[in-house]
């Protein structure tokens, strides 16, 4: 007996293979009768007529299993696709969240007020880590943004755009739980006796009120420092600094002005040599990195667009100490000097600047000889000194503030002799180097310290409420527990600096790194260290926005080169 599925299968095989529409298969009377008749009464089905389609054997398709390599590629493709989609989703979520902050609580009169002076490394690190739920916070700074100073030399040469390394302070404070008031103004006076700060609006556009005074409970003094000129004549009049964003932009304009003037028709050879000579004073990380960036600008861009005068451009680095980069290991100092020699960067050590004129700098070498060196552009990157407001604040505590380098603080970063004033960064006189790394760790420490102080004050208020209430055994146990917590919160840990290493770019896509390793240091230099230098600076940028902009600038320079236009 032939079952219906088998008959249907035979019918399908009998259908012409090239038919454009499937034919309807009907049951014959014999098949209809076979559904109800016994098996013995069903006549055998006659064989189908022989046709060309039935006489040919059906092709046998053998499916070979995928090789391991193809399986790996398929899996890799799926994983890559999922990773890209997930990363894109996270990127969109983070950027939209940053652009659309939520609502914030307003000032609470019952809470204490922290006034922050400055928007540099110390102040910004503190603001980023501080829980504003416990305090009212006010920020006063002449600039309404944070500046990533380690990349300033890249801005001066055009490797990076100036907007790529700044982060508006409100981008940080706007995401806090409680509103933070940010005032673009300059602090004029601090009254430690009455705990007030007077600040003024020094911008070109002023409103009806341009000066006011506010009280504080705690003051975070993070105003930074000015560039030290050591009283050398002509420094402020003729040299470019490398401290603020405007300094980098001014230097870039000056360098391009010198290059265009050197390319002017019928310019004398002596004048071309002078205009194309760039002098950098200061052999620290800033001066070394600027020299390296200048060399890259020469080799990668000027030789293409100014082929006639580019070979005559010279770079000279002047340092008063016996060697450059005094805080780095001896091996890295030698490596830097060797790289500079290969790049034809002149290094003059044991050389002191005596005077800077309009077109030349007077120096004295180790032999006591005075030299007059012509230049087109000169950069001063040597030393820091306290700001006038810092010296004015120190005058209130003549017995405790005797260090001319800056404010003296205790182990908890409290200004000695003052009540409620904390100082961080370059405005202080400590045993630590005046670096961004130190200021950043000090700011983060202060945020934790304020959190611990707020916790202690809450516990003390809780203790007062318990003692004012009914006295029961349960209350006595809770009072004992709260007292233990207060004692624990009262044990403030002093600030401890943890050195994470030092990095510096030296040109030709090479960098040096002096990193702590076990009980010693690990010194590294070269192209691989250059990649590490870039990744480290990217990770230290404060926002995803800055990271994206910096990476975009690096790619633009790699593909199109630096812009040689002059604003």
Protein backbone atom coordinates (compact mmCIF):
# COMPACT_ATOMS: atom_id res chain seq x y z
CA UNK A 1 0.00 0.00 0.00
CA UNK A 2 1.29 3.49 -0.88
CA UNK A 3 0.70 6.21 1.66
CA UNK A 4 -0.44 9.69 0.68
CA UNK A 5 2.85 11.52 1.51
CA UNK A 6 4.73 9.16 -0.77
CA UNK A 7 2.19 9.72 -3.56
CA UNK A 8 2.55 13.47 -3.16
CA UNK A 9 6.32 13.16 -3.36
CA UNK A 10 6.02 11.15 -6.60
CA UNK A 11 3.66 13.78 -7.99
CA UNK A 12 6.18 16.50 -7.21
CA UNK A 13 8.94 14.59 -8.98
CA UNK A 14 6.69 14.18 -12.00
CA UNK A 15 6.06 17.94 -12.26
CA UNK A 16 8.16 19.69 -14.93
CA UNK A 17 11.15 21.36 -13.34
CA UNK A 18 11.04 24.44 -15.59
CA UNK A 19 7.41 25.30 -14.88
CA UNK A 20 6.94 28.91 -13.84
CA UNK A 21 3.89 28.14 -11.65
CA UNK A 22 3.34 25.07 -9.49
CA UNK A 23 0.66 22.70 -10.75
CA UNK A 24 -2.20 21.63 -8.53
CA UNK A 25 -2.10 17.94 -7.68
CA UNK A 26 -5.50 16.20 -7.33
CA UNK A 27 -6.37 12.78 -5.93
CA UNK A 28 -7.48 10.10 -8.41
CA UNK A 29 -10.58 7.94 -7.78
CA UNK A 30 -8.34 5.04 -6.98
CA UNK A 31 -6.60 7.07 -4.29
CA UNK A 32 -9.94 8.24 -2.97
CA UNK A 33 -11.24 4.75 -2.67
CA UNK A 34 -8.00 3.61 -1.04
CA UNK A 35 -8.64 5.91 1.89
CA UNK A 36 -11.62 3.83 3.00
CA UNK A 37 -11.05 0.43 1.39
CA UNK A 38 -9.07 -2.32 3.09
CA UNK A 39 -5.54 -2.84 2.03
CA UNK A 40 -6.38 -6.15 0.25
CA UNK A 41 -8.97 -4.45 -2.03
CA UNK A 42 -6.83 -1.54 -3.17
CA UNK A 43 -5.44 -2.22 -6.67
CA UNK A 44 -1.77 -1.54 -7.21
CA UNK A 45 -0.94 1.87 -8.57
CA UNK A 46 0.34 1.73 -12.13
CA UNK A 47 3.85 3.02 -12.63
CA UNK A 48 4.11 6.55 -14.03
CA UNK A 49 4.88 6.97 -17.68
CA UNK A 50 8.51 7.35 -18.46
CA UNK A 51 9.47 10.94 -19.17
CA UNK A 52 12.73 12.78 -19.59
CA UNK A 53 12.46 14.27 -16.11
CA UNK A 54 11.94 10.93 -14.39
CA UNK A 55 14.58 9.04 -16.30
CA UNK A 56 17.29 11.46 -15.20
CA UNK A 57 18.75 10.92 -11.72
CA UNK A 58 18.24 13.76 -9.24
CA UNK A 59 21.49 15.63 -8.48
CA UNK A 60 23.03 14.93 -5.10
CA UNK A 61 24.21 18.07 -3.27
CA UNK A 62 27.00 17.48 -0.79
CA UNK A 63 27.33 20.29 1.79
CA UNK A 64 30.90 20.56 2.94
CA UNK A 65 31.45 21.77 6.51
CA UNK A 66 33.07 25.21 6.88
CA UNK A 67 36.76 25.23 7.57
CA UNK A 68 37.97 26.44 10.92
CA UNK A 69 39.39 29.55 9.30
CA UNK A 70 36.03 30.52 7.75
CA UNK A 71 34.25 29.74 11.00
CA UNK A 72 36.70 32.04 12.79
CA UNK A 73 36.14 34.82 10.23
CA UNK A 74 32.37 34.52 10.57
CA UNK A 75 32.58 34.64 14.36
CA UNK A 76 34.99 37.57 14.19
CA UNK A 77 32.65 39.43 11.86
CA UNK A 78 29.69 38.94 14.17
CA UNK A 79 31.68 40.01 17.23
CA UNK A 80 32.99 43.07 15.37
CA UNK A 81 29.50 44.06 14.27
CA UNK A 82 28.10 43.68 17.79
CA UNK A 83 31.06 45.66 19.21
CA UNK A 84 30.58 48.49 16.71
CA UNK A 85 26.85 48.70 17.35
CA UNK A 86 27.34 48.58 21.12
CA UNK A 87 30.11 51.17 21.04
CA UNK A 88 28.03 53.46 18.85
CA UNK A 89 25.09 53.14 21.21
CA UNK A 90 27.23 53.90 24.25
CA UNK A 91 28.85 56.87 22.47
CA UNK A 92 25.46 58.33 21.54
CA UNK A 93 24.13 57.79 25.07
CA UNK A 94 27.14 59.41 26.76
CA UNK A 95 27.23 62.40 24.41
CA UNK A 96 23.51 63.03 24.72
CA UNK A 97 23.70 62.71 28.49
CA UNK A 98 26.53 65.24 28.58
CA UNK A 99 24.60 67.66 26.39
CA UNK A 100 21.36 67.40 28.34
CA UNK A 101 22.07 67.52 32.09
CA UNK A 102 19.25 66.96 34.53
CA UNK A 103 17.74 69.26 37.11
CA UNK A 104 19.77 70.37 40.11
CA UNK A 105 18.98 71.33 43.69
CA UNK A 106 19.37 75.01 44.48
CA UNK A 107 21.46 76.47 47.29
CA UNK A 108 20.57 75.26 50.78
CA UNK A 109 20.98 77.98 53.47
CA UNK A 110 21.49 75.25 56.06
CA UNK A 111 24.62 73.94 54.34
CA UNK A 112 28.11 75.39 54.39
CA UNK A 113 29.56 77.19 51.38
CA UNK A 114 32.81 76.32 49.62
CA UNK A 115 34.30 79.06 47.45
CA UNK A 116 36.82 77.85 44.86
CA UNK A 117 39.29 80.33 43.39
CA UNK A 118 40.65 79.10 40.06
CA UNK A 119 39.80 76.59 37.34
CA UNK A 120 43.13 74.82 36.88
CA UNK A 121 44.21 71.28 37.69
CA UNK A 122 43.68 71.48 41.44
CA UNK A 123 40.32 73.24 41.35
CA UNK A 124 38.89 71.16 38.50
CA UNK A 125 39.96 67.85 40.02
CA UNK A 126 38.34 68.86 43.30
CA UNK A 127 35.11 69.94 41.57
CA UNK A 128 34.91 66.74 39.58
CA UNK A 129 35.19 64.52 42.68
CA UNK A 130 33.25 66.67 45.17
CA UNK A 131 29.77 65.59 46.27
CA UNK A 132 27.84 68.87 46.06
CA UNK A 133 24.93 67.33 47.96
CA UNK A 134 26.79 68.25 51.15
CA UNK A 135 27.83 71.83 50.28
CA UNK A 136 26.95 75.00 48.42
CA UNK A 137 29.75 75.63 45.91
CA UNK A 138 30.86 78.83 44.15
CA UNK A 139 33.65 78.95 41.54
CA UNK A 140 35.47 82.20 40.74
CA UNK A 141 38.06 82.25 37.94
CA UNK A 142 39.27 84.71 35.26
CA UNK A 143 38.60 81.98 32.67
CA UNK A 144 35.43 79.90 32.52
CA UNK A 145 37.20 76.75 31.33
CA UNK A 146 39.80 74.18 32.29
CA UNK A 147 42.98 74.15 30.17
CA UNK A 148 44.92 70.92 29.55
CA UNK A 149 48.34 72.58 29.83
CA UNK A 150 50.58 69.59 28.85
CA UNK A 151 49.35 69.91 25.24
CA UNK A 152 49.89 73.68 24.95
CA UNK A 153 53.06 73.24 22.81
CA UNK A 154 50.98 71.27 20.29
CA UNK A 155 48.57 74.21 20.02
CA UNK A 156 51.43 76.67 19.51
CA UNK A 157 52.62 74.76 16.43
CA UNK A 158 49.21 73.97 15.00
CA UNK A 159 49.15 70.25 15.75
CA UNK A 160 46.03 70.75 17.87
CA UNK A 161 43.24 73.28 17.73
CA UNK A 162 42.98 75.48 20.80
CA UNK A 163 39.36 74.44 21.44
CA UNK A 164 40.35 70.79 21.62
CA UNK A 165 42.20 71.09 24.94
CA UNK A 166 39.78 73.26 26.90
CA UNK A 167 36.75 72.10 28.86
CA UNK A 168 34.17 74.67 30.03
CA UNK A 169 33.85 74.59 33.80
CA UNK A 170 30.07 74.44 33.51
CA UNK A 171 30.37 71.15 31.61
CA UNK A 172 31.65 69.71 34.88
CA UNK A 173 29.54 71.57 37.43
CA UNK A 174 26.28 71.28 35.46
CA UNK A 175 26.15 67.52 36.11
CA UNK A 176 26.37 67.86 39.89
CA UNK A 177 23.39 67.11 42.13
CA UNK A 178 23.37 70.67 43.53
CA UNK A 179 23.79 73.80 41.47
CA UNK A 180 27.30 75.25 41.35
CA UNK A 181 27.60 78.98 40.65
CA UNK A 182 30.43 79.81 38.23
CA UNK A 183 31.59 83.43 37.89
CA UNK A 184 34.09 84.50 35.25
CA UNK A 185 35.84 87.11 37.35
CA UNK A 186 39.13 87.81 39.05
CA UNK A 187 39.49 87.57 42.81
CA UNK A 188 40.73 90.92 44.06
CA UNK A 189 40.97 90.37 47.80
CA UNK A 190 40.51 87.62 50.38
CA UNK A 191 39.55 88.70 53.89
CA UNK A 192 40.45 85.72 56.13
CA UNK A 193 39.17 87.47 59.25
CA UNK A 194 35.61 88.00 58.00
CA UNK A 195 35.79 85.03 55.62
CA UNK A 196 34.83 86.94 52.47
CA UNK A 197 36.10 87.13 48.89
CA UNK A 198 35.86 90.25 46.75
CA UNK A 199 35.98 89.69 42.99
CA UNK A 200 35.64 91.92 39.92
CA UNK A 201 34.67 91.51 36.29
CA UNK A 202 37.68 92.51 34.18
CA UNK A 203 36.20 91.51 30.82
CA UNK A 204 35.80 94.11 28.04
CA UNK A 205 32.01 93.96 28.34
CA UNK A 206 30.63 94.79 31.79
CA UNK A 207 27.15 94.99 33.22
CA UNK A 208 25.71 97.33 35.80
CA UNK A 209 27.50 95.40 38.57
CA UNK A 210 31.13 94.44 38.05
CA UNK A 211 32.36 94.02 41.63
CA UNK A 212 30.91 92.17 44.61
CA UNK A 213 31.79 90.31 47.82
CA UNK A 214 30.58 86.89 48.98
CA UNK A 215 31.12 84.98 52.26
CA UNK A 216 32.58 81.50 52.59
CA UNK A 217 32.86 78.76 55.18
CA UNK A 218 35.71 77.02 53.36
CA UNK A 219 37.98 78.56 50.75
CA UNK A 220 39.86 76.44 48.20
CA UNK A 221 42.70 78.65 47.02
CA UNK A 222 43.91 77.36 43.61
CA UNK A 223 44.87 80.47 41.64
CA UNK A 224 48.10 79.01 40.25
CA UNK A 225 51.21 81.08 39.58
CA UNK A 226 52.70 83.53 37.11
CA UNK A 227 55.78 83.04 34.94
CA UNK A 228 58.97 83.89 36.78
CA UNK A 229 61.13 86.42 34.91
CA UNK A 230 63.83 86.78 37.61
CA UNK A 231 63.86 90.52 36.96
CA UNK A 232 65.68 90.08 33.65
CA UNK A 233 65.21 93.14 31.42
CA UNK A 234 63.09 92.71 28.31
CA UNK A 235 61.46 89.38 29.17
CA UNK A 236 57.90 90.66 29.48
CA UNK A 237 58.32 93.09 26.60
CA UNK A 238 59.80 90.78 23.93
CA UNK A 239 59.33 87.12 24.93
CA UNK A 240 56.37 84.81 24.44
CA UNK A 241 55.24 82.73 27.41
CA UNK A 242 53.74 79.24 27.50
CA UNK A 243 51.29 79.45 30.40
CA UNK A 244 47.85 80.25 29.01
CA UNK A 245 45.92 79.51 25.85
CA UNK A 246 46.47 83.04 24.60
CA UNK A 247 50.24 82.51 24.95
CA UNK A 248 50.17 79.51 22.59
CA UNK A 249 48.04 81.37 20.06
CA UNK A 250 50.34 84.40 20.23
CA UNK A 251 53.42 82.22 19.66
CA UNK A 252 51.85 80.54 16.64
CA UNK A 253 51.05 83.94 15.12
CA UNK A 254 54.59 85.17 15.84
CA UNK A 255 56.24 82.12 14.25
CA UNK A 256 54.16 82.37 11.08
CA UNK A 257 54.84 86.12 10.94
CA UNK A 258 58.59 85.44 11.10
CA UNK A 259 58.35 82.83 8.33
CA UNK A 260 56.35 85.08 6.01
CA UNK A 261 58.70 88.00 6.67
CA UNK A 262 61.68 85.78 5.87
CA UNK A 263 60.03 84.78 2.58
CA UNK A 264 59.53 88.45 1.61
CA UNK A 265 61.09 89.53 -1.66
CA UNK A 266 64.70 90.78 -1.56
CA UNK A 267 65.11 89.96 2.14
CA UNK A 268 68.81 89.92 3.11
CA UNK A 269 70.48 86.66 4.12
CA UNK A 270 71.33 87.93 7.59
CA UNK A 271 67.75 88.99 8.18
CA UNK A 272 66.41 85.66 6.92
CA UNK A 273 68.69 83.80 9.33
CA UNK A 274 67.54 86.00 12.20
CA UNK A 275 63.83 85.66 11.43
CA UNK A 276 64.10 81.88 11.09
CA UNK A 277 65.89 81.43 14.42
CA UNK A 278 63.59 80.39 17.28
CA UNK A 279 65.02 80.49 20.82
CA UNK A 280 63.45 78.57 23.71
CA UNK A 281 64.55 79.51 27.24
CA UNK A 282 64.00 76.76 29.81
CA UNK A 283 65.02 73.12 29.61
CA UNK A 284 62.09 71.66 31.51
CA UNK A 285 59.34 69.52 29.95
CA UNK A 286 57.58 72.55 28.43
CA UNK A 287 60.71 73.87 26.72
CA UNK A 288 61.79 70.43 25.51
CA UNK A 289 58.36 69.54 24.13
CA UNK A 290 58.05 72.90 22.39
CA UNK A 291 61.46 72.39 20.75
CA UNK A 292 60.39 68.95 19.56
CA UNK A 293 57.11 70.28 18.15
CA UNK A 294 58.96 73.08 16.34
CA UNK A 295 61.25 70.51 14.72
CA UNK A 296 58.25 68.47 13.52
CA UNK A 297 56.67 71.61 12.07
CA UNK A 298 59.87 72.28 10.14
CA UNK A 299 60.38 68.77 8.76
CA UNK A 300 56.77 67.82 8.07
CA UNK A 301 55.29 71.09 6.81
CA UNK A 302 57.64 73.99 6.19
CA UNK A 303 59.93 71.98 3.90
CA UNK A 304 56.90 71.30 1.68
CA UNK A 305 55.41 74.79 1.57
CA UNK A 306 58.54 76.95 2.03
CA UNK A 307 61.27 74.88 0.34
CA UNK A 308 63.53 77.89 -0.29
CA UNK A 309 63.85 79.05 3.32
CA UNK A 310 62.93 75.98 5.39
CA UNK A 311 66.50 74.57 5.53
CA UNK A 312 67.65 77.79 7.19
CA UNK A 313 65.25 77.54 10.16
CA UNK A 314 67.11 76.91 13.44
CA UNK A 315 66.02 76.04 16.98
CA UNK A 316 68.10 76.81 20.09
CA UNK A 317 67.27 75.62 23.61
CA UNK A 318 68.90 77.54 26.48
CA UNK A 319 69.13 76.06 29.99
CA UNK A 320 70.96 77.49 33.02
CA UNK A 321 71.51 74.05 34.63
CA UNK A 322 74.11 71.51 33.48
CA UNK A 323 71.49 69.53 31.53
CA UNK A 324 67.90 69.65 30.33
CA UNK A 325 65.04 67.78 32.05
CA UNK A 326 66.68 67.73 35.51
CA UNK A 327 63.83 65.66 37.02
CA UNK A 328 64.35 62.76 34.58
CA UNK A 329 66.85 59.92 34.82
CA UNK A 330 70.34 60.32 33.40
CA UNK A 331 69.70 57.78 30.62
CA UNK A 332 66.70 59.73 29.34
CA UNK A 333 68.60 63.03 29.51
CA UNK A 334 71.33 61.57 27.30
CA UNK A 335 68.73 60.11 24.95
CA UNK A 336 67.01 63.50 24.64
CA UNK A 337 70.25 65.34 23.99
CA UNK A 338 71.23 62.72 21.39
CA UNK A 339 67.86 63.04 19.64
CA UNK A 340 68.12 66.83 19.62
CA UNK A 341 71.58 66.56 18.10
CA UNK A 342 70.24 64.34 15.31
CA UNK A 343 67.40 66.80 14.73
CA UNK A 344 69.87 69.71 14.65
CA UNK A 345 68.41 71.42 17.70
CA UNK A 346 71.16 73.39 19.46
CA UNK A 347 71.23 72.89 23.24
CA UNK A 348 73.11 75.48 25.30
CA UNK A 349 73.42 74.31 28.91
CA UNK A 350 75.09 76.23 31.76
CA UNK A 351 73.97 79.36 29.95
CA UNK A 352 72.15 82.23 31.64
CA UNK A 353 70.02 84.87 29.95
CA UNK A 354 71.07 88.38 30.92
CA UNK A 355 68.85 90.51 28.72
CA UNK A 356 66.32 90.18 25.94
CA UNK A 357 66.30 92.87 23.29
CA UNK A 358 63.84 93.37 20.47
CA UNK A 359 65.82 91.27 18.00
CA UNK A 360 68.46 89.47 20.07
CA UNK A 361 69.08 87.83 23.44
CA UNK A 362 72.20 88.41 25.53
CA UNK A 363 73.46 85.26 27.29
CA UNK A 364 76.44 84.32 29.41
CA UNK A 365 77.95 80.86 28.93
CA UNK A 366 79.86 78.66 31.38
CA UNK A 367 83.14 80.34 30.46
CA UNK A 368 81.75 83.75 31.42
CA UNK A 369 81.57 84.99 27.84
CA UNK A 370 78.66 87.18 26.80
CA UNK A 371 77.02 86.38 23.48
CA UNK A 372 74.44 88.34 21.53
CA UNK A 373 72.20 85.84 19.73
CA UNK A 374 69.77 87.17 17.08
CA UNK A 375 66.28 85.65 16.96
CA UNK A 376 62.94 86.00 15.24
CA UNK A 377 60.88 84.51 18.06
CA UNK A 378 61.83 83.76 21.66
CA UNK A 379 59.84 81.70 24.17
CA UNK A 380 60.28 82.02 27.93
CA UNK A 381 59.44 78.79 29.76
CA UNK A 382 61.45 79.12 32.95
CA UNK A 383 60.02 79.08 36.46
CA UNK A 384 56.92 80.18 38.41
CA UNK A 385 56.23 82.93 40.92
CA UNK A 386 53.22 83.68 43.12
CA UNK A 387 50.50 86.04 41.96
CA UNK A 388 49.99 89.45 43.64
CA UNK A 389 46.79 88.29 45.37
CA UNK A 390 48.72 85.36 46.85
CA UNK A 391 51.37 87.63 48.32
CA UNK A 392 48.61 89.90 49.62
CA UNK A 393 46.90 86.97 51.36
CA UNK A 394 50.18 85.81 52.91
CA UNK A 395 50.67 89.24 54.46
CA UNK A 396 47.75 88.52 56.81
CA UNK A 397 49.83 85.77 58.48
CA UNK A 398 53.42 87.08 58.72
CA UNK A 399 54.34 84.59 61.44
CA UNK A 400 53.24 81.51 59.52
CA UNK A 401 53.72 82.50 55.87
CA UNK A 402 57.41 83.21 55.47
CA UNK A 403 58.22 81.27 52.28
CA UNK A 404 58.52 83.62 49.31
CA UNK A 405 57.81 80.80 46.84
CA UNK A 406 54.18 80.52 47.89
CA UNK A 407 51.67 79.56 50.58
CA UNK A 408 52.81 77.17 53.29
CA UNK A 409 50.32 74.40 54.06
CA UNK A 410 50.14 71.56 56.58
CA UNK A 411 49.75 67.84 55.84
CA UNK A 412 46.04 68.36 55.19
CA UNK A 413 46.62 71.20 52.68
CA UNK A 414 45.32 73.78 55.15
CA UNK A 415 46.95 77.20 54.97
CA UNK A 416 49.05 77.65 58.09
CA UNK A 417 47.66 80.31 60.40
CA UNK A 418 44.32 80.58 58.58
CA UNK A 419 40.92 79.17 59.44
CA UNK A 420 39.01 77.36 56.70
CA UNK A 421 41.48 78.08 53.86
CA UNK A 422 42.92 75.21 51.80
CA UNK A 423 45.56 75.78 49.13
CA UNK A 424 46.55 73.50 46.23
CA UNK A 425 48.68 73.66 43.10
CA UNK A 426 51.38 76.07 42.00
CA UNK A 427 50.39 78.76 44.50
CA UNK A 428 51.79 76.64 47.36
CA UNK A 429 55.35 76.14 48.55
CA UNK A 430 55.72 72.41 49.18
CA UNK A 431 58.35 69.75 48.69
CA UNK A 432 56.54 68.56 45.56
CA UNK A 433 57.30 69.75 42.05
CA UNK A 434 54.84 72.32 40.66
CA UNK A 435 53.28 69.91 38.16
CA UNK A 436 49.77 69.17 36.95
CA UNK A 437 50.01 65.69 38.44
CA UNK A 438 50.60 67.03 41.94
CA UNK A 439 47.81 69.62 41.71
CA UNK A 440 45.37 67.03 40.37
CA UNK A 441 46.01 64.63 43.25
CA UNK A 442 45.72 67.48 45.76
CA UNK A 443 42.34 68.46 44.35
CA UNK A 444 41.04 64.89 44.49
CA UNK A 445 42.28 64.59 48.07
CA UNK A 446 40.45 67.77 49.08
CA UNK A 447 37.19 66.41 47.66
CA UNK A 448 37.54 63.30 49.83
CA UNK A 449 38.50 65.44 52.82
CA UNK A 450 35.40 67.62 52.45
CA UNK A 451 33.28 64.49 52.17
CA UNK A 452 34.74 63.20 55.42
CA UNK A 453 34.17 66.55 57.13
CA UNK A 454 30.53 66.56 55.98
CA UNK A 455 30.06 63.03 57.27
CA UNK A 456 31.46 64.02 60.65
CA UNK A 457 29.18 67.06 60.87
CA UNK A 458 26.13 64.91 60.07
CA UNK A 459 27.11 62.46 62.79
CA UNK A 460 27.57 65.28 65.29
CA UNK A 461 24.11 66.60 64.45
CA UNK A 462 22.70 63.10 64.85
CA UNK A 463 24.40 62.80 68.23
CA UNK A 464 22.93 66.12 69.38
CA UNK A 465 19.44 65.00 68.34
CA UNK A 466 19.81 61.71 70.21
CA UNK A 467 20.98 63.41 73.39
CA UNK A 468 18.09 65.86 73.21
CA UNK A 469 15.54 63.06 72.93
CA UNK A 470 14.25 60.55 75.49
CA UNK A 471 16.88 58.48 77.30
CA UNK A 472 16.35 54.76 76.80
CA UNK A 473 18.61 51.74 76.59
CA UNK A 474 18.25 51.70 72.81
CA UNK A 475 19.12 55.40 72.63
CA UNK A 476 22.19 54.84 74.80
CA UNK A 477 23.41 52.08 72.48
CA UNK A 478 22.83 54.25 69.42
CA UNK A 479 24.67 57.17 71.06
CA UNK A 480 27.62 54.91 71.75
CA UNK A 481 27.63 53.74 68.13
CA UNK A 482 27.45 57.31 66.77
CA UNK A 483 30.32 58.39 69.06
CA UNK A 484 32.48 55.60 67.61
CA UNK A 485 31.65 56.73 64.07
CA UNK A 486 32.52 60.34 64.96
CA UNK A 487 35.88 59.27 66.36
CA UNK A 488 36.56 57.32 63.18
CA UNK A 489 35.53 60.23 60.94
CA UNK A 490 37.72 62.60 62.98
CA UNK A 491 40.86 60.69 62.02
CA UNK A 492 41.71 62.59 58.87
CA UNK A 493 44.39 61.09 56.68
CA UNK A 494 47.11 63.50 55.55
CA UNK A 495 47.78 64.10 51.87
CA UNK A 496 50.15 61.62 50.27
CA UNK A 497 51.47 62.18 46.76
CA UNK A 498 51.79 59.09 44.58
CA UNK A 499 54.13 59.73 41.67
CA UNK A 500 52.77 58.15 38.49
CA UNK A 501 55.79 58.95 36.35
CA UNK A 502 56.96 61.70 34.00
CA UNK A 503 56.46 61.98 30.24
CA UNK A 504 57.84 64.32 27.60
CA UNK A 505 57.67 64.52 23.82
CA UNK A 506 61.03 65.20 22.13
CA UNK A 507 60.10 65.33 18.44
CA UNK A 508 60.30 62.98 15.43
CA UNK A 509 57.47 60.90 16.91
CA UNK A 510 59.64 60.00 19.89
CA UNK A 511 58.92 60.47 23.57
CA UNK A 512 60.52 59.60 26.90
CA UNK A 513 58.93 58.13 30.01
CA UNK A 514 60.32 57.88 33.53
CA UNK A 515 57.92 55.55 35.34
CA UNK A 516 58.01 54.08 38.85
CA UNK A 517 58.44 50.32 38.82
CA UNK A 518 58.68 48.19 41.97
CA UNK A 519 61.30 49.91 44.12
CA UNK A 520 62.97 51.77 41.26
CA UNK A 521 62.22 53.53 37.99
CA UNK A 522 61.63 52.25 34.48
CA UNK A 523 63.11 54.49 31.78
CA UNK A 524 61.87 54.26 28.22
CA UNK A 525 62.29 56.27 25.05
CA UNK A 526 61.43 55.98 21.37
CA UNK A 527 58.46 55.48 19.07
CA UNK A 528 56.69 52.97 21.34
CA UNK A 529 56.98 55.44 24.21
CA UNK A 530 55.53 58.09 21.92
CA UNK A 531 52.40 55.95 21.46
CA UNK A 532 52.23 55.50 25.23
CA UNK A 533 52.63 59.27 25.67
CA UNK A 534 49.65 59.88 23.41
CA UNK A 535 47.46 57.28 25.10
CA UNK A 536 48.37 58.61 28.56
CA UNK A 537 47.47 62.18 27.63
CA UNK A 538 44.21 61.02 26.05
CA UNK A 539 43.22 59.16 29.21
CA UNK A 540 43.97 62.25 31.34
CA UNK A 541 41.68 64.51 29.33
CA UNK A 542 38.61 65.33 31.38
CA UNK A 543 35.86 64.47 28.89
CA UNK A 544 34.92 62.29 25.94
CA UNK A 545 34.46 65.48 23.94
CA UNK A 546 38.10 66.50 24.41
CA UNK A 547 39.35 63.01 23.55
CA UNK A 548 37.34 62.97 20.35
CA UNK A 549 38.56 66.43 19.30
CA UNK A 550 42.23 65.67 20.04
CA UNK A 551 42.13 62.38 18.11
CA UNK A 552 40.45 64.18 15.23
CA UNK A 553 43.18 66.85 15.20
CA UNK A 554 45.93 64.22 15.20
CA UNK A 555 44.29 62.46 12.25
CA UNK A 556 43.88 65.74 10.34
CA UNK A 557 47.56 66.58 10.77
CA UNK A 558 48.61 63.08 9.73
CA UNK A 559 46.49 63.23 6.56
CA UNK A 560 46.58 66.90 5.54
CA UNK A 561 49.46 68.37 7.54
CA UNK A 562 49.44 71.47 9.71
CA UNK A 563 47.78 74.67 8.65
CA UNK A 564 50.38 77.30 7.69
CA UNK A 565 47.97 80.22 7.41
CA UNK A 566 48.42 83.17 9.76
CA UNK A 567 45.45 84.70 11.53
